[in-house]
Amino acid sequence: MAFLAARGAIPIDALRERESGRRTEVGGGVTHRQCPATAGGVTFINLEDKTGTLNVIAGLGVWNRFRRVARESPVLIVRGILERSPEGVTNLIADRFEPLTVSRPRAHATSASVDRGGIRRRGRCAPGPTIRNGRPRHAR
């Protein structure tokens, strides 16, 4: 969330206070994508962060331009125009998609050596399995 805030992205629950018609950038995980045959090429994406969910609407032109990112990225940054219906439903009319890469923190090695499984051992590690004919085979 700190990375998103640093680049100016708004948490989804804070969109309630933003005025309709403003260009807004949000980020979050994609829960599902829908492209109904009756929607005339419009694709609907649900985006979720720690604070809530948001409906994202991608028109045919935007979808074609950012198709690969929008289809394959599990976590997205979406920029678009905020739209609020009289019933209070909030949508984001997308004009740009970016993949959001999430990395895990690296473990710091100490004086003990660390093998591939993350198990710390003192001294020399036993040799790992050797792959032969597609199957692991342990050294004898």
C-alpha atoms as a PDB file:
ATOM      1  CA  MET A   1       0.000   0.000   0.000  1.00  0.00           C
ATOM      2  CA  ALA A   2       2.888   2.385   0.699  1.00  0.00           C
ATOM      3  CA  PHE A   3       4.122   2.006  -2.878  1.00  0.00           C
ATOM      4  CA  LEU A   4       0.663   2.837  -4.225  1.00  0.00           C
ATOM      5  CA  ALA A   5       0.318   5.858  -1.960  1.00  0.00           C
ATOM      6  CA  ALA A   6       3.757   7.110  -3.010  1.00  0.00           C
ATOM      7  CA  ARG A   7       2.738   7.123  -6.659  1.00  0.00           C
ATOM      8  CA  GLY A   8      -0.559   8.853  -5.904  1.00  0.00           C
ATOM      9  CA  ALA A   9      -2.939   5.909  -6.076  1.00  0.00           C
ATOM     10  CA  ILE A  10      -6.056   6.219  -3.930  1.00  0.00           C
ATOM     11  CA  PRO A  11      -7.286   3.420  -1.618  1.00  0.00           C
ATOM     12  CA  ILE A  12     -10.632   2.092  -2.820  1.00  0.00           C
ATOM     13  CA  ASP A  13     -12.541   3.088   0.324  1.00  0.00           C
ATOM     14  CA  ALA A  14     -11.341   6.704  -0.120  1.00  0.00           C
ATOM     15  CA  LEU A  15     -13.125   6.896  -3.502  1.00  0.00           C
ATOM     16  CA  ARG A  16     -16.403   7.582  -1.660  1.00  0.00           C
ATOM     17  CA  GLU A  17     -15.151  11.093  -0.834  1.00  0.00           C
ATOM     18  CA  ARG A  18     -13.768  11.847  -4.316  1.00  0.00           C
ATOM     19  CA  GLU A  19     -15.996  13.685  -6.715  1.00  0.00           C
ATOM     20  CA  SER A  20     -17.384  11.948  -9.772  1.00  0.00           C
ATOM     21  CA  GLY A  21     -15.698  12.806 -13.073  1.00  0.00           C
ATOM     22  CA  ARG A  22     -12.133  13.084 -11.686  1.00  0.00           C
ATOM     23  CA  ARG A  23      -9.201  11.157 -13.130  1.00  0.00           C
ATOM     24  CA  THR A  24      -8.132   8.663 -10.481  1.00  0.00           C
ATOM     25  CA  GLU A  25      -5.522   5.942 -10.105  1.00  0.00           C
ATOM     26  CA  VAL A  26      -6.111   2.849  -7.969  1.00  0.00           C
ATOM     27  CA  GLY A  27      -4.321  -0.441  -7.483  1.00  0.00           C
ATOM     28  CA  GLY A  28      -5.309  -3.878  -6.301  1.00  0.00           C
ATOM     29  CA  GLY A  29      -5.825  -7.520  -7.042  1.00  0.00           C
ATOM     30  CA  VAL A  30      -8.156  -8.676  -9.797  1.00  0.00           C
ATOM     31  CA  THR A  31     -10.924 -10.862  -8.400  1.00  0.00           C
ATOM     32  CA  HIS A  32     -12.572 -11.535 -11.767  1.00  0.00           C
ATOM     33  CA  ARG A  33     -12.986 -10.347 -15.340  1.00  0.00           C
ATOM     34  CA  GLN A  34     -16.201 -10.477 -17.347  1.00  0.00           C
ATOM     35  CA  CYS A  35     -16.703  -9.875 -21.048  1.00  0.00           C
ATOM     36  CA  PRO A  36     -20.379 -10.642 -21.727  1.00  0.00           C
ATOM     37  CA  ALA A  37     -21.427 -11.087 -25.347  1.00  0.00           C
ATOM     38  CA  THR A  38     -24.253  -8.590 -24.836  1.00  0.00           C
ATOM     39  CA  ALA A  39     -21.920  -5.792 -23.614  1.00  0.00           C
ATOM     40  CA  GLY A  40     -20.727  -4.743 -27.078  1.00  0.00           C
ATOM     41  CA  GLY A  41     -17.021  -5.303 -26.379  1.00  0.00           C
ATOM     42  CA  VAL A  42     -16.981  -3.758 -22.904  1.00  0.00           C
ATOM     43  CA  THR A  43     -15.031  -5.722 -20.276  1.00  0.00           C
ATOM     44  CA  PHE A  44     -15.806  -5.531 -16.554  1.00  0.00           C
ATOM     45  CA  ILE A  45     -13.077  -6.104 -13.960  1.00  0.00           C
ATOM     46  CA  ASN A  46     -13.418  -6.207 -10.195  1.00  0.00           C
ATOM     47  CA  LEU A  47     -10.413  -4.779  -8.370  1.00  0.00           C
ATOM     48  CA  GLU A  48      -9.850  -5.356  -4.661  1.00  0.00           C
ATOM     49  CA  ASP A  49      -7.435  -3.883  -2.142  1.00  0.00           C
ATOM     50  CA  LYS A  50      -7.338  -4.090   1.668  1.00  0.00           C
ATOM     51  CA  THR A  51     -10.059  -1.465   1.966  1.00  0.00           C
ATOM     52  CA  GLY A  52     -12.731  -2.608  -0.502  1.00  0.00           C
ATOM     53  CA  THR A  53     -13.707  -3.544  -4.051  1.00  0.00           C
ATOM     54  CA  LEU A  54     -14.210  -1.465  -7.179  1.00  0.00           C
ATOM     55  CA  ASN A  55     -15.917  -2.058 -10.524  1.00  0.00           C
ATOM     56  CA  VAL A  56     -13.621  -1.190 -13.447  1.00  0.00           C
ATOM     57  CA  ILE A  57     -15.132  -0.735 -16.911  1.00  0.00           C
ATOM     58  CA  ALA A  58     -12.826  -1.073 -19.919  1.00  0.00           C
ATOM     59  CA  GLY A  59     -14.146   0.016 -23.301  1.00  0.00           C
ATOM     60  CA  LEU A  60     -13.166  -1.823 -26.468  1.00  0.00           C
ATOM     61  CA  GLY A  61     -10.365   0.602 -27.426  1.00  0.00           C
ATOM     62  CA  VAL A  62      -8.711   0.551 -23.997  1.00  0.00           C
ATOM     63  CA  TRP A  63      -9.108  -3.225 -23.766  1.00  0.00           C
ATOM     64  CA  ASN A  64      -7.470  -3.751 -27.159  1.00  0.00           C
ATOM     65  CA  ARG A  65      -4.572  -1.440 -26.277  1.00  0.00           C
ATOM     66  CA  PHE A  66      -3.859  -2.983 -22.862  1.00  0.00           C
ATOM     67  CA  ARG A  67      -5.239  -6.490 -23.490  1.00  0.00           C
ATOM     68  CA  ARG A  68      -2.156  -8.453 -22.481  1.00  0.00           C
ATOM     69  CA  VAL A  69      -1.639  -6.575 -19.194  1.00  0.00           C
ATOM     70  CA  ALA A  70      -5.339  -6.526 -18.319  1.00  0.00           C
ATOM     71  CA  ARG A  71      -5.827 -10.236 -19.033  1.00  0.00           C
ATOM     72  CA  GLU A  72      -2.675 -11.683 -17.516  1.00  0.00           C
ATOM     73  CA  SER A  73      -1.742  -9.539 -14.501  1.00  0.00           C
ATOM     74  CA  PRO A  74      -3.215 -10.689 -11.197  1.00  0.00           C
ATOM     75  CA  VAL A  75      -2.484  -7.281  -9.623  1.00  0.00           C
ATOM     76  CA  LEU A  76      -3.092  -4.045 -11.550  1.00  0.00           C
ATOM     77  CA  ILE A  77      -2.765  -0.293 -11.338  1.00  0.00           C
ATOM     78  CA  VAL A  78      -5.714   1.245 -13.182  1.00  0.00           C
ATOM     79  CA  ARG A  79      -6.142   4.890 -14.163  1.00  0.00           C
ATOM     80  CA  GLY A  80      -9.494   6.246 -15.268  1.00  0.00           C
ATOM     81  CA  ILE A  81     -12.431   8.546 -14.706  1.00  0.00           C
ATOM     82  CA  LEU A  82     -14.436   8.012 -11.528  1.00  0.00           C
ATOM     83  CA  GLU A  83     -18.163   7.555 -12.092  1.00  0.00           C
ATOM     84  CA  ARG A  84     -20.859   7.376  -9.442  1.00  0.00           C
ATOM     85  CA  SER A  85     -24.452   6.413 -10.158  1.00  0.00           C
ATOM     86  CA  PRO A  86     -27.431   7.991  -8.362  1.00  0.00           C
ATOM     87  CA  GLU A  87     -27.786   4.704  -6.452  1.00  0.00           C
ATOM     88  CA  GLY A  88     -24.266   5.152  -5.040  1.00  0.00           C
ATOM     89  CA  VAL A  89     -22.456   2.520  -7.133  1.00  0.00           C
ATOM     90  CA  THR A  90     -18.876   3.584  -7.874  1.00  0.00           C
ATOM     91  CA  ASN A  91     -17.206   2.618 -11.149  1.00  0.00           C
ATOM     92  CA  LEU A  92     -13.893   3.521 -12.735  1.00  0.00           C
ATOM     93  CA  ILE A  93     -13.961   4.006 -16.521  1.00  0.00           C
ATOM     94  CA  ALA A  94     -10.447   2.794 -17.329  1.00  0.00           C
ATOM     95  CA  ASP A  95      -8.095   4.552 -19.716  1.00  0.00           C
ATOM     96  CA  ARG A  96      -4.841   2.812 -18.723  1.00  0.00           C
ATOM     97  CA  PHE A  97      -3.731  -0.478 -17.133  1.00  0.00           C
ATOM     98  CA  GLU A  98      -0.303  -1.219 -15.663  1.00  0.00           C
ATOM     99  CA  PRO A  99       0.941  -4.451 -14.123  1.00  0.00           C
ATOM    100  CA  LEU A 100       1.826  -4.198 -10.465  1.00  0.00           C
ATOM    101  CA  THR A 101       4.692  -6.470  -9.560  1.00  0.00           C
ATOM    102  CA  VAL A 102       4.677  -7.741  -6.019  1.00  0.00           C
ATOM    103  CA  SER A 103       7.929  -9.080  -4.636  1.00  0.00           C
ATOM    104  CA  ARG A 104       8.594 -10.975  -1.471  1.00  0.00           C
ATOM    105  CA  PRO A 105      11.286  -9.709   0.895  1.00  0.00           C
ATOM    106  CA  ARG A 106      14.555 -11.582   0.508  1.00  0.00           C
ATOM    107  CA  ALA A 107      15.886 -13.637   3.392  1.00  0.00           C
ATOM    108  CA  HIS A 108      19.292 -12.536   4.580  1.00  0.00           C
ATOM    109  CA  ALA A 109      21.857 -15.318   4.874  1.00  0.00           C
ATOM    110  CA  THR A 110      23.828 -15.569   8.082  1.00  0.00           C
ATOM    111  CA  SER A 111      27.097 -17.366   8.697  1.00  0.00           C
ATOM    112  CA  ALA A 112      25.237 -20.653   8.378  1.00  0.00           C
ATOM    113  CA  SER A 113      24.713 -21.805   4.827  1.00  0.00           C
ATOM    114  CA  VAL A 114      21.173 -21.973   3.467  1.00  0.00           C
ATOM    115  CA  ASP A 115      20.030 -24.633   1.039  1.00  0.00           C
ATOM    116  CA  ARG A 116      17.219 -24.317  -1.503  1.00  0.00           C
ATOM    117  CA  GLY A 117      14.550 -25.379   0.966  1.00  0.00           C
ATOM    118  CA  GLY A 118      15.385 -22.543   3.351  1.00  0.00           C
ATOM    119  CA  ILE A 119      16.730 -24.911   6.020  1.00  0.00           C
ATOM    120  CA  ARG A 120      19.769 -23.542   7.797  1.00  0.00           C
ATOM    121  CA  ARG A 121      22.606 -25.970   8.305  1.00  0.00           C
ATOM    122  CA  ARG A 122      26.028 -25.559   9.858  1.00  0.00           C
ATOM    123  CA  GLY A 123      29.058 -26.593   7.880  1.00  0.00           C
ATOM    124  CA  ARG A 124      28.734 -28.257   4.499  1.00  0.00           C
ATOM    125  CA  CYS A 125      25.339 -29.090   3.057  1.00  0.00           C
ATOM    126  CA  ALA A 126      24.607 -32.507   1.722  1.00  0.00           C
ATOM    127  CA  PRO A 127      24.397 -32.504  -2.056  1.00  0.00           C
ATOM    128  CA  GLY A 128      20.908 -32.036  -3.437  1.00  0.00           C
ATOM    129  CA  PRO A 129      19.109 -34.487  -5.692  1.00  0.00           C
ATOM    130  CA  THR A 130      20.325 -34.920  -9.251  1.00  0.00           C
ATOM    131  CA  ILE A 131      17.717 -34.851 -12.014  1.00  0.00           C
ATOM    132  CA  ARG A 132      17.967 -37.802 -14.395  1.00  0.00           C
ATOM    133  CA  ASN A 133      15.293 -38.841 -16.863  1.00  0.00           C
ATOM    134  CA  GLY A 134      12.956 -36.214 -15.420  1.00  0.00           C
ATOM    135  CA  ARG A 135      13.015 -37.724 -11.906  1.00  0.00           C
ATOM    136  CA  PRO A 136      15.011 -36.641  -8.864  1.00  0.00           C
ATOM    137  CA  ARG A 137      17.737 -39.061  -7.894  1.00  0.00           C
ATOM    138  CA  HIS A 138      19.741 -38.717  -4.693  1.00  0.00           C
ATOM    139  CA  ALA A 139      23.514 -39.079  -4.723  1.00  0.00           C
ATOM    140  CA  ARG A 140      24.789 -42.305  -3.182  1.00  0.00           C
END
